[in-house]
Amino acid sequence: MLESLDPFQQVMLGVSIIGVLMILLVVFLTASPNYENTDRFKKILEFLENKN
């Protein structure tokens, strides 16, 4: 099946599959009950708000 595609189409298909897997992984991990958002940017914003 993949042999019938152009090399560029094979690359695009591979990149798309990896992207979908990464999105599914993020959704799965954030749905975990032990998930805690430790975003550094969010912490910096909170620190700057508390400073004022």
N, C-alpha and C. Protein backbone atom coordinates (compact mmCIF):
# COMPACT_ATOMS: atom_id res chain seq x y z
N MET A 1 0.83 -1.20 0.00
CA MET A 1 0.00 0.00 0.00
C MET A 1 0.87 1.26 0.00
N LEU A 2 1.81 1.33 0.96
CA LEU A 2 2.65 2.52 1.04
C LEU A 2 3.61 2.64 -0.14
N GLU A 3 3.95 1.51 -0.76
CA GLU A 3 4.88 1.55 -1.89
C GLU A 3 4.29 2.29 -3.08
N SER A 4 2.97 2.34 -3.18
CA SER A 4 2.33 2.99 -4.32
C SER A 4 2.30 4.52 -4.18
N LEU A 5 2.66 5.04 -3.00
CA LEU A 5 2.65 6.49 -2.79
C LEU A 5 3.99 7.09 -3.17
N ASP A 6 3.98 8.38 -3.50
CA ASP A 6 5.22 9.11 -3.73
C ASP A 6 6.01 9.20 -2.42
N PRO A 7 7.34 9.38 -2.51
CA PRO A 7 8.11 9.56 -1.27
C PRO A 7 7.61 10.74 -0.43
N PHE A 8 7.23 11.84 -1.08
CA PHE A 8 6.72 13.00 -0.34
C PHE A 8 5.42 12.65 0.38
N GLN A 9 4.56 11.89 -0.30
CA GLN A 9 3.29 11.49 0.34
C GLN A 9 3.56 10.54 1.51
N GLN A 10 4.58 9.70 1.39
CA GLN A 10 4.93 8.80 2.50
C GLN A 10 5.40 9.61 3.71
N VAL A 11 6.20 10.64 3.44
CA VAL A 11 6.69 11.49 4.53
C VAL A 11 5.52 12.22 5.20
N MET A 12 4.63 12.78 4.38
CA MET A 12 3.49 13.51 4.94
C MET A 12 2.59 12.58 5.75
N LEU A 13 2.39 11.36 5.27
CA LEU A 13 1.58 10.38 6.00
C LEU A 13 2.23 10.04 7.34
N GLY A 14 3.55 9.84 7.32
CA GLY A 14 4.26 9.51 8.55
C GLY A 14 4.19 10.65 9.55
N VAL A 15 4.41 11.87 9.08
CA VAL A 15 4.35 13.04 9.98
C VAL A 15 2.94 13.20 10.55
N SER A 16 1.94 12.99 9.71
CA SER A 16 0.55 13.12 10.17
C SER A 16 0.22 12.09 11.24
N ILE A 17 0.68 10.85 11.02
CA ILE A 17 0.41 9.79 12.00
C ILE A 17 1.08 10.10 13.33
N ILE A 18 2.34 10.57 13.28
CA ILE A 18 3.05 10.93 14.51
C ILE A 18 2.33 12.08 15.22
N GLY A 19 1.86 13.07 14.46
CA GLY A 19 1.14 14.19 15.05
C GLY A 19 -0.13 13.75 15.75
N VAL A 20 -0.89 12.87 15.11
CA VAL A 20 -2.13 12.37 15.72
C VAL A 20 -1.81 11.58 16.97
N LEU A 21 -0.76 10.76 16.93
CA LEU A 21 -0.38 9.99 18.13
C LEU A 21 0.02 10.92 19.28
N MET A 22 0.74 12.00 18.97
CA MET A 22 1.14 12.95 20.02
C MET A 22 -0.08 13.65 20.61
N ILE A 23 -1.03 14.03 19.76
CA ILE A 23 -2.26 14.67 20.26
C ILE A 23 -3.03 13.71 21.16
N LEU A 24 -3.15 12.45 20.72
CA LEU A 24 -3.85 11.45 21.54
C LEU A 24 -3.12 11.23 22.87
N LEU A 25 -1.79 11.24 22.84
CA LEU A 25 -1.03 11.06 24.07
C LEU A 25 -1.28 12.22 25.04
N VAL A 26 -1.30 13.45 24.53
CA VAL A 26 -1.56 14.61 25.39
C VAL A 26 -2.96 14.53 25.99
N VAL A 27 -3.95 14.17 25.18
CA VAL A 27 -5.32 14.04 25.69
C VAL A 27 -5.38 12.96 26.76
N PHE A 28 -4.71 11.83 26.51
CA PHE A 28 -4.71 10.73 27.48
C PHE A 28 -4.05 11.15 28.79
N LEU A 29 -2.90 11.83 28.69
CA LEU A 29 -2.17 12.20 29.90
C LEU A 29 -2.89 13.29 30.69
N THR A 30 -3.51 14.25 30.01
CA THR A 30 -4.21 15.31 30.74
C THR A 30 -5.51 14.81 31.34
N ALA A 31 -6.04 13.69 30.84
CA ALA A 31 -7.26 13.12 31.41
C ALA A 31 -6.96 12.28 32.65
N SER A 32 -5.68 12.03 32.92
CA SER A 32 -5.29 11.22 34.07
C SER A 32 -5.67 11.94 35.37
N PRO A 33 -6.14 11.21 36.37
CA PRO A 33 -6.51 11.86 37.64
C PRO A 33 -5.32 12.48 38.37
N ASN A 34 -4.11 12.02 38.09
CA ASN A 34 -2.92 12.55 38.76
C ASN A 34 -2.31 13.73 38.01
N TYR A 35 -2.98 14.19 36.95
CA TYR A 35 -2.42 15.27 36.15
C TYR A 35 -2.48 16.59 36.90
N GLU A 36 -1.35 17.31 36.89
CA GLU A 36 -1.30 18.64 37.51
C GLU A 36 -0.58 19.55 36.54
N ASN A 37 -1.17 20.68 36.23
CA ASN A 37 -0.56 21.61 35.29
C ASN A 37 0.58 22.35 35.99
N THR A 38 1.79 22.08 35.54
CA THR A 38 2.97 22.74 36.11
C THR A 38 3.60 23.63 35.04
N ASP A 39 2.77 24.34 34.32
CA ASP A 39 3.24 25.20 33.24
C ASP A 39 4.08 26.34 33.78
N ARG A 40 5.30 26.46 33.30
CA ARG A 40 6.20 27.51 33.80
C ARG A 40 5.68 28.90 33.46
N PHE A 41 5.15 29.05 32.24
CA PHE A 41 4.64 30.36 31.84
C PHE A 41 3.49 30.80 32.75
N LYS A 42 2.62 29.86 33.12
CA LYS A 42 1.51 30.16 34.01
C LYS A 42 2.03 30.58 35.39
N LYS A 43 3.07 29.89 35.86
CA LYS A 43 3.65 30.24 37.16
C LYS A 43 4.26 31.63 37.13
N ILE A 44 4.92 31.96 36.03
CA ILE A 44 5.53 33.29 35.91
C ILE A 44 4.45 34.37 35.93
N LEU A 45 3.35 34.13 35.19
CA LEU A 45 2.26 35.10 35.17
C LEU A 45 1.65 35.28 36.56
N GLU A 46 1.45 34.18 37.28
CA GLU A 46 0.90 34.27 38.63
C GLU A 46 1.86 35.02 39.55
N PHE A 47 3.16 34.76 39.40
CA PHE A 47 4.16 35.44 40.23
C PHE A 47 4.13 36.94 39.98
N LEU A 48 4.02 37.33 38.71
CA LEU A 48 3.99 38.75 38.38
C LEU A 48 2.71 39.41 38.88
N GLU A 49 1.58 38.70 38.85
CA GLU A 49 0.33 39.25 39.35
C GLU A 49 0.38 39.43 40.87
N ASN A 50 0.97 38.48 41.57
CA ASN A 50 1.05 38.55 43.03
C ASN A 50 2.03 39.63 43.47
N LYS A 51 3.00 39.93 42.64
CA LYS A 51 4.02 40.92 42.97
C LYS A 51 3.42 42.33 43.04
N ASN A 52 2.43 42.58 42.20
CA ASN A 52 1.83 43.93 42.13
C ASN A 52 0.81 44.15 43.22
